[in-house]
Amino acid sequence: MNQPLAWIDITAKDAARSRKFYGVLFDWNIDVNESMNYGLVTPTLEHLPGGIGQASDENPHPPRLVTYFAVPDVETALGRAGRLGGTTVVPTWEIPGLGKMAVFHDPDGNRVGLWEV
């Protein structure tokens, strides 16, 4: 079963600074959605789609990078991760028009994202 990388998400203590850093470092074009305080990385043949958001007390994502893998069904994948020793840390949520996402810890505590498109 092939689960391609589908999305990168960087949650930062200072999102504006991180957007500038990664934009210059990797030559990313980043379009900021002010209402979400989230910068969308424009995908190209060389760059995965993704974004850079602001860490806050309300945001369930602490400052760090999470890679999302494409799966046919988020709930099934979360269940499988749990049976294998993983722990759900951000339950499934839906982004209208884009699909469902969730985040779990693997047995070593790494954050791993799932994206059902």
N, C-alpha and C. Protein backbone atom coordinates (compact mmCIF):
# COMPACT_ATOMS: atom_id res chain seq x y z
N MET A 1 0.84 -1.16 0.00
CA MET A 1 0.00 0.00 0.00
C MET A 1 0.90 1.23 0.00
N ASN A 2 0.70 2.13 -0.94
CA ASN A 2 1.53 3.31 -1.09
C ASN A 2 0.84 4.51 -0.45
N GLN A 3 1.47 5.12 0.55
CA GLN A 3 0.94 6.31 1.20
C GLN A 3 1.89 7.47 0.89
N PRO A 4 1.63 8.20 -0.20
CA PRO A 4 2.55 9.28 -0.56
C PRO A 4 2.46 10.45 0.41
N LEU A 5 3.57 11.17 0.53
CA LEU A 5 3.55 12.40 1.30
C LEU A 5 2.56 13.34 0.63
N ALA A 6 1.72 14.00 1.43
CA ALA A 6 0.66 14.81 0.86
C ALA A 6 0.71 16.27 1.31
N TRP A 7 1.29 16.56 2.47
CA TRP A 7 1.21 17.90 3.02
C TRP A 7 2.27 18.05 4.09
N ILE A 8 2.85 19.24 4.19
CA ILE A 8 3.73 19.56 5.30
C ILE A 8 3.10 20.70 6.07
N ASP A 9 3.19 20.65 7.38
CA ASP A 9 2.62 21.69 8.22
C ASP A 9 3.66 22.10 9.24
N ILE A 10 3.96 23.38 9.26
CA ILE A 10 4.88 23.92 10.24
C ILE A 10 4.08 24.84 11.15
N THR A 11 4.07 24.53 12.44
CA THR A 11 3.45 25.40 13.43
C THR A 11 4.60 26.09 14.16
N ALA A 12 4.54 27.42 14.21
CA ALA A 12 5.67 28.20 14.70
C ALA A 12 5.27 29.15 15.83
N LYS A 13 6.22 29.45 16.71
CA LYS A 13 6.00 30.44 17.75
C LYS A 13 5.83 31.83 17.15
N ASP A 14 6.52 32.10 16.05
CA ASP A 14 6.40 33.36 15.31
C ASP A 14 6.22 33.00 13.84
N ALA A 15 4.94 32.84 13.44
CA ALA A 15 4.64 32.35 12.09
C ALA A 15 5.18 33.28 11.01
N ALA A 16 5.10 34.58 11.22
CA ALA A 16 5.60 35.52 10.20
C ALA A 16 7.10 35.33 9.98
N ARG A 17 7.84 35.18 11.08
CA ARG A 17 9.28 34.96 10.97
C ARG A 17 9.57 33.63 10.26
N SER A 18 8.82 32.57 10.61
CA SER A 18 9.04 31.27 9.98
C SER A 18 8.68 31.29 8.50
N ARG A 19 7.62 32.02 8.14
CA ARG A 19 7.26 32.12 6.72
C ARG A 19 8.38 32.78 5.93
N LYS A 20 8.96 33.82 6.50
CA LYS A 20 10.07 34.49 5.82
C LYS A 20 11.27 33.55 5.73
N PHE A 21 11.60 32.88 6.84
CA PHE A 21 12.74 31.96 6.88
C PHE A 21 12.61 30.87 5.82
N TYR A 22 11.49 30.12 5.84
CA TYR A 22 11.33 29.01 4.90
C TYR A 22 11.10 29.50 3.47
N GLY A 23 10.45 30.63 3.33
CA GLY A 23 10.25 31.19 1.98
C GLY A 23 11.57 31.48 1.30
N VAL A 24 12.49 32.11 2.05
CA VAL A 24 13.80 32.42 1.48
C VAL A 24 14.65 31.16 1.36
N LEU A 25 14.66 30.32 2.41
CA LEU A 25 15.49 29.12 2.41
C LEU A 25 15.16 28.20 1.24
N PHE A 26 13.87 27.93 1.02
CA PHE A 26 13.47 26.97 0.00
C PHE A 26 12.85 27.60 -1.23
N ASP A 27 12.86 28.93 -1.31
CA ASP A 27 12.27 29.64 -2.44
C ASP A 27 10.79 29.30 -2.59
N TRP A 28 10.08 29.25 -1.45
CA TRP A 28 8.65 28.97 -1.43
C TRP A 28 7.86 30.24 -1.66
N ASN A 29 6.80 30.14 -2.44
CA ASN A 29 5.82 31.21 -2.55
C ASN A 29 4.75 30.90 -1.49
N ILE A 30 4.54 31.83 -0.56
CA ILE A 30 3.62 31.60 0.56
C ILE A 30 2.53 32.66 0.53
N ASP A 31 1.29 32.21 0.42
CA ASP A 31 0.12 33.09 0.39
C ASP A 31 -0.56 33.02 1.76
N VAL A 32 -0.56 34.14 2.50
CA VAL A 32 -1.09 34.15 3.86
C VAL A 32 -2.59 34.41 3.85
N ASN A 33 -3.33 33.52 4.52
CA ASN A 33 -4.75 33.71 4.77
C ASN A 33 -4.85 34.35 6.15
N GLU A 34 -5.10 35.65 6.17
CA GLU A 34 -5.08 36.41 7.42
C GLU A 34 -6.13 35.92 8.42
N SER A 35 -7.32 35.52 7.93
CA SER A 35 -8.37 35.10 8.86
C SER A 35 -7.98 33.84 9.63
N MET A 36 -7.14 32.98 9.04
CA MET A 36 -6.67 31.77 9.72
C MET A 36 -5.25 31.94 10.27
N ASN A 37 -4.60 33.04 9.93
CA ASN A 37 -3.19 33.26 10.26
C ASN A 37 -2.37 32.05 9.83
N TYR A 38 -2.60 31.65 8.58
CA TYR A 38 -1.95 30.46 8.02
C TYR A 38 -1.43 30.80 6.64
N GLY A 39 -0.16 30.52 6.41
CA GLY A 39 0.45 30.76 5.11
C GLY A 39 0.49 29.49 4.30
N LEU A 40 -0.16 29.49 3.14
CA LEU A 40 -0.18 28.32 2.27
C LEU A 40 1.01 28.34 1.32
N VAL A 41 1.76 27.25 1.32
CA VAL A 41 2.89 27.10 0.42
C VAL A 41 2.35 26.63 -0.93
N THR A 42 2.65 27.39 -1.97
CA THR A 42 2.19 27.04 -3.31
C THR A 42 2.97 25.81 -3.79
N PRO A 43 2.26 24.72 -4.11
CA PRO A 43 2.97 23.52 -4.57
C PRO A 43 3.53 23.70 -5.98
N THR A 44 4.66 23.08 -6.21
CA THR A 44 5.28 23.04 -7.54
C THR A 44 5.78 21.61 -7.75
N LEU A 45 6.41 21.37 -8.85
CA LEU A 45 6.99 20.05 -9.08
C LEU A 45 8.07 19.73 -8.05
N GLU A 46 8.71 20.78 -7.51
CA GLU A 46 9.79 20.58 -6.54
C GLU A 46 9.33 20.69 -5.09
N HIS A 47 8.13 21.23 -4.83
CA HIS A 47 7.69 21.49 -3.47
C HIS A 47 6.35 20.82 -3.18
N LEU A 48 6.26 20.15 -2.04
CA LEU A 48 4.98 19.64 -1.55
C LEU A 48 4.09 20.80 -1.17
N PRO A 49 2.77 20.64 -1.24
CA PRO A 49 1.90 21.67 -0.68
C PRO A 49 2.01 21.63 0.84
N GLY A 50 1.69 22.74 1.45
CA GLY A 50 1.73 22.78 2.90
C GLY A 50 1.46 24.17 3.40
N GLY A 51 1.82 24.40 4.64
CA GLY A 51 1.57 25.71 5.21
C GLY A 51 2.31 25.93 6.50
N ILE A 52 2.28 27.20 6.93
CA ILE A 52 2.93 27.61 8.16
C ILE A 52 1.92 28.39 8.98
N GLY A 53 1.62 27.88 10.18
CA GLY A 53 0.63 28.51 11.04
C GLY A 53 1.22 28.96 12.37
N GLN A 54 0.42 29.71 13.10
CA GLN A 54 0.82 30.29 14.37
C GLN A 54 0.46 29.36 15.52
N ALA A 55 1.42 29.06 16.37
CA ALA A 55 1.14 28.31 17.60
C ALA A 55 0.42 29.25 18.57
N SER A 56 -0.53 28.70 19.31
CA SER A 56 -1.24 29.48 20.32
C SER A 56 -1.87 28.53 21.32
N ASP A 57 -2.43 29.08 22.39
CA ASP A 57 -3.09 28.24 23.38
C ASP A 57 -4.32 27.54 22.80
N GLU A 58 -4.95 28.16 21.79
CA GLU A 58 -6.15 27.60 21.18
C GLU A 58 -5.82 26.56 20.10
N ASN A 59 -4.62 26.60 19.57
CA ASN A 59 -4.20 25.73 18.48
C ASN A 59 -3.71 24.40 19.07
N PRO A 60 -4.31 23.26 18.67
CA PRO A 60 -3.88 21.97 19.24
C PRO A 60 -2.53 21.48 18.71
N HIS A 61 -1.91 22.26 17.83
CA HIS A 61 -0.62 21.87 17.26
C HIS A 61 0.50 22.68 17.91
N PRO A 62 1.40 22.04 18.65
CA PRO A 62 2.53 22.77 19.23
C PRO A 62 3.54 23.12 18.13
N PRO A 63 4.48 24.02 18.44
CA PRO A 63 5.49 24.38 17.45
C PRO A 63 6.31 23.15 17.03
N ARG A 64 6.21 22.80 15.77
CA ARG A 64 6.99 21.73 15.17
C ARG A 64 6.52 21.48 13.75
N LEU A 65 7.20 20.59 13.07
CA LEU A 65 6.85 20.21 11.70
C LEU A 65 6.14 18.87 11.72
N VAL A 66 5.04 18.77 10.98
CA VAL A 66 4.32 17.50 10.85
C VAL A 66 4.17 17.22 9.36
N THR A 67 4.49 16.01 8.97
CA THR A 67 4.29 15.56 7.60
C THR A 67 3.01 14.74 7.56
N TYR A 68 2.15 15.04 6.58
CA TYR A 68 0.88 14.34 6.42
C TYR A 68 1.01 13.34 5.28
N PHE A 69 0.47 12.15 5.50
CA PHE A 69 0.45 11.10 4.50
C PHE A 69 -0.98 10.94 3.99
N ALA A 70 -1.12 10.76 2.69
CA ALA A 70 -2.44 10.54 2.09
C ALA A 70 -2.93 9.14 2.44
N VAL A 71 -4.18 9.05 2.91
CA VAL A 71 -4.80 7.76 3.22
C VAL A 71 -6.22 7.76 2.66
N PRO A 72 -6.76 6.59 2.33
CA PRO A 72 -8.12 6.55 1.80
C PRO A 72 -9.19 6.84 2.86
N ASP A 73 -8.89 6.56 4.15
CA ASP A 73 -9.86 6.76 5.21
C ASP A 73 -9.11 7.09 6.51
N VAL A 74 -9.29 8.32 7.00
CA VAL A 74 -8.56 8.76 8.20
C VAL A 74 -8.91 7.91 9.41
N GLU A 75 -10.18 7.64 9.64
CA GLU A 75 -10.58 6.88 10.82
C GLU A 75 -9.99 5.47 10.82
N THR A 76 -9.98 4.83 9.67
CA THR A 76 -9.39 3.50 9.56
C THR A 76 -7.89 3.55 9.86
N ALA A 77 -7.21 4.56 9.31
CA ALA A 77 -5.78 4.69 9.54
C ALA A 77 -5.48 5.00 11.01
N LEU A 78 -6.30 5.86 11.66
CA LEU A 78 -6.12 6.14 13.08
C LEU A 78 -6.31 4.88 13.92
N GLY A 79 -7.31 4.09 13.58
CA GLY A 79 -7.54 2.84 14.29
C GLY A 79 -6.37 1.89 14.15
N ARG A 80 -5.84 1.79 12.94
CA ARG A 80 -4.68 0.92 12.71
C ARG A 80 -3.47 1.43 13.50
N ALA A 81 -3.26 2.75 13.49
CA ALA A 81 -2.14 3.33 14.25
C ALA A 81 -2.29 3.00 15.74
N GLY A 82 -3.51 3.10 16.26
CA GLY A 82 -3.75 2.78 17.67
C GLY A 82 -3.46 1.33 18.00
N ARG A 83 -3.87 0.43 17.13
CA ARG A 83 -3.61 -1.00 17.36
C ARG A 83 -2.11 -1.31 17.32
N LEU A 84 -1.35 -0.48 16.62
CA LEU A 84 0.08 -0.69 16.49
C LEU A 84 0.89 0.06 17.55
N GLY A 85 0.20 0.74 18.47
CA GLY A 85 0.89 1.44 19.55
C GLY A 85 0.91 2.95 19.43
N GLY A 86 0.23 3.49 18.43
CA GLY A 86 0.15 4.94 18.27
C GLY A 86 -0.97 5.51 19.13
N THR A 87 -0.97 6.84 19.28
CA THR A 87 -1.96 7.54 20.09
C THR A 87 -2.46 8.76 19.33
N THR A 88 -3.77 8.88 19.18
CA THR A 88 -4.35 10.05 18.52
C THR A 88 -4.11 11.28 19.39
N VAL A 89 -3.56 12.35 18.80
CA VAL A 89 -3.34 13.59 19.55
C VAL A 89 -4.21 14.73 19.04
N VAL A 90 -4.60 14.70 17.78
CA VAL A 90 -5.57 15.66 17.23
C VAL A 90 -6.58 14.83 16.45
N PRO A 91 -7.81 14.69 16.98
CA PRO A 91 -8.80 13.87 16.30
C PRO A 91 -9.15 14.43 14.92
N THR A 92 -9.83 13.62 14.17
CA THR A 92 -10.20 13.99 12.81
C THR A 92 -10.95 15.31 12.77
N TRP A 93 -10.54 16.17 11.87
CA TRP A 93 -11.27 17.41 11.59
C TRP A 93 -11.39 17.54 10.09
N GLU A 94 -12.37 18.28 9.65
CA GLU A 94 -12.61 18.45 8.21
C GLU A 94 -12.30 19.86 7.79
N ILE A 95 -11.60 19.97 6.67
CA ILE A 95 -11.35 21.26 6.04
C ILE A 95 -12.26 21.28 4.80
N PRO A 96 -13.32 22.10 4.83
CA PRO A 96 -14.30 22.09 3.74
C PRO A 96 -13.64 22.21 2.36
N GLY A 97 -13.99 21.27 1.52
CA GLY A 97 -13.48 21.25 0.15
C GLY A 97 -12.11 20.64 -0.01
N LEU A 98 -11.41 20.34 1.10
CA LEU A 98 -10.06 19.79 1.01
C LEU A 98 -9.92 18.39 1.59
N GLY A 99 -10.81 17.99 2.48
CA GLY A 99 -10.73 16.65 3.04
C GLY A 99 -10.66 16.65 4.55
N LYS A 100 -10.34 15.49 5.10
CA LYS A 100 -10.24 15.30 6.55
C LYS A 100 -8.78 15.07 6.92
N MET A 101 -8.41 15.54 8.12
CA MET A 101 -7.06 15.38 8.62
C MET A 101 -7.11 14.92 10.07
N ALA A 102 -6.02 14.34 10.54
CA ALA A 102 -5.86 13.95 11.94
C ALA A 102 -4.36 13.83 12.20
N VAL A 103 -3.99 13.83 13.49
CA VAL A 103 -2.58 13.69 13.86
C VAL A 103 -2.48 12.66 14.99
N PHE A 104 -1.47 11.80 14.92
CA PHE A 104 -1.23 10.84 15.98
C PHE A 104 0.25 10.84 16.35
N HIS A 105 0.55 10.32 17.53
CA HIS A 105 1.93 10.05 17.92
C HIS A 105 2.23 8.61 17.56
N ASP A 106 3.39 8.37 16.99
CA ASP A 106 3.83 7.00 16.79
C ASP A 106 4.36 6.48 18.13
N PRO A 107 4.78 5.22 18.24
CA PRO A 107 5.25 4.69 19.53
C PRO A 107 6.44 5.45 20.12
N ASP A 108 7.19 6.19 19.30
CA ASP A 108 8.32 6.97 19.81
C ASP A 108 7.95 8.41 20.12
N GLY A 109 6.70 8.80 19.92
CA GLY A 109 6.26 10.15 20.22
C GLY A 109 6.34 11.13 19.06
N ASN A 110 6.71 10.65 17.88
CA ASN A 110 6.72 11.52 16.70
C ASN A 110 5.31 11.85 16.28
N ARG A 111 5.05 13.10 15.89
CA ARG A 111 3.74 13.49 15.38
C ARG A 111 3.68 13.15 13.90
N VAL A 112 2.62 12.46 13.50
CA VAL A 112 2.41 12.04 12.11
C VAL A 112 1.00 12.46 11.72
N GLY A 113 0.88 13.07 10.55
CA GLY A 113 -0.42 13.51 10.07
C GLY A 113 -0.99 12.57 9.03
N LEU A 114 -2.31 12.54 8.98
CA LEU A 114 -3.05 11.77 7.99
C LEU A 114 -3.97 12.73 7.24
N TRP A 115 -4.11 12.51 5.95
CA TRP A 115 -4.98 13.36 5.15
C TRP A 115 -5.80 12.49 4.21
N GLU A 116 -7.10 12.52 4.41
CA GLU A 116 -8.04 11.81 3.53
C GLU A 116 -8.57 12.83 2.54
N VAL A 117 -8.24 12.62 1.28
CA VAL A 117 -8.71 13.56 0.23
C VAL A 117 -9.78 12.96 -0.61
